[in-house]
Amino acid sequence: MQKNFSYPLIVEDIAAAEKDKATQDFLWGFVREQVEEEATAQGIVDKIKRAGDAGIFFIDSQLGQR
């Protein structure tokens, strides 16, 4: 999985140059959220791989309860 944070970081550089603290905070919050969601998705993929064919329905029912 390729991680490319270049666009938010370029915008963050502009916000820093303009001393726009609100935009900087928003962008870093966005990046943190994306990293968190990527970790969640990777955790789900890992569970599915470990469960194999026999456990896929169990994993599905667990995720359905979220």
Protein backbone atom coordinates (compact mmCIF):
# COMPACT_ATOMS: atom_id res chain seq x y z
CA MET A 1 0.00 0.00 0.00
CA GLN A 2 1.53 3.29 -1.09
CA LYS A 3 1.48 6.14 1.38
CA ASN A 4 1.43 9.53 -0.25
CA PHE A 5 0.89 12.52 1.99
CA SER A 6 2.47 15.03 -0.38
CA TYR A 7 -0.67 17.03 -1.24
CA PRO A 8 -1.73 17.79 2.36
CA LEU A 9 1.87 18.57 3.27
CA ILE A 10 2.28 21.01 0.37
CA VAL A 11 -0.90 22.78 1.43
CA GLU A 12 0.36 22.71 5.03
CA ASP A 13 3.57 24.41 3.90
CA ILE A 14 1.50 27.16 2.28
CA ALA A 15 -0.61 27.50 5.41
CA ALA A 16 2.55 27.74 7.52
CA ALA A 17 3.98 30.42 5.23
CA GLU A 18 0.73 32.36 5.56
CA LYS A 19 0.70 31.76 9.35
CA ASP A 20 -2.73 30.14 9.00
CA LYS A 21 -2.82 28.06 12.18
CA ALA A 22 -6.45 26.95 11.72
CA THR A 23 -5.70 25.41 8.31
CA GLN A 24 -2.54 23.75 9.63
CA ASP A 25 -4.47 22.20 12.51
CA PHE A 26 -7.23 21.03 10.16
CA LEU A 27 -4.75 19.43 7.75
CA TRP A 28 -2.82 17.61 10.47
CA GLY A 29 -6.12 16.36 11.89
CA PHE A 30 -7.02 15.12 8.42
CA VAL A 31 -3.69 13.31 8.04
CA ARG A 32 -4.01 11.72 11.51
CA GLU A 33 -7.53 10.53 10.68
CA GLN A 34 -6.37 9.00 7.41
CA VAL A 35 -3.54 7.16 9.16
CA GLU A 36 -5.99 5.86 11.78
CA GLU A 37 -8.47 4.67 9.13
CA GLU A 38 -5.70 2.98 7.16
CA ALA A 39 -4.60 1.13 10.30
CA THR A 40 -8.20 0.05 10.96
CA ALA A 41 -8.59 -1.24 7.40
CA GLN A 42 -5.26 -3.07 7.61
CA GLY A 43 -6.36 -4.68 10.87
CA ILE A 44 -9.52 -5.95 9.21
CA VAL A 45 -7.54 -7.35 6.28
CA ASP A 46 -5.18 -9.08 8.71
CA LYS A 47 -8.12 -10.65 10.60
CA ILE A 48 -9.65 -11.90 7.35
CA LYS A 49 -6.34 -13.43 6.27
CA ARG A 50 -5.93 -15.17 9.64
CA ALA A 51 -9.53 -16.40 9.68
CA GLY A 52 -9.27 -18.03 6.27
CA ASP A 53 -12.25 -19.52 4.49
CA ALA A 54 -13.62 -21.18 7.61
CA GLY A 55 -13.71 -18.03 9.72
CA ILE A 56 -14.78 -15.45 7.17
CA PHE A 57 -18.43 -15.54 8.25
CA PHE A 58 -17.43 -15.06 11.89
CA ILE A 59 -15.35 -12.03 10.98
CA ASP A 60 -18.24 -10.72 8.88
CA SER A 61 -20.64 -11.02 11.81
CA GLN A 62 -18.15 -9.26 14.12
CA LEU A 63 -17.72 -6.39 11.70
CA GLY A 64 -21.49 -6.18 11.25
CA GLN A 65 -21.88 -5.47 14.96
CA ARG A 66 -19.69 -2.38 14.80
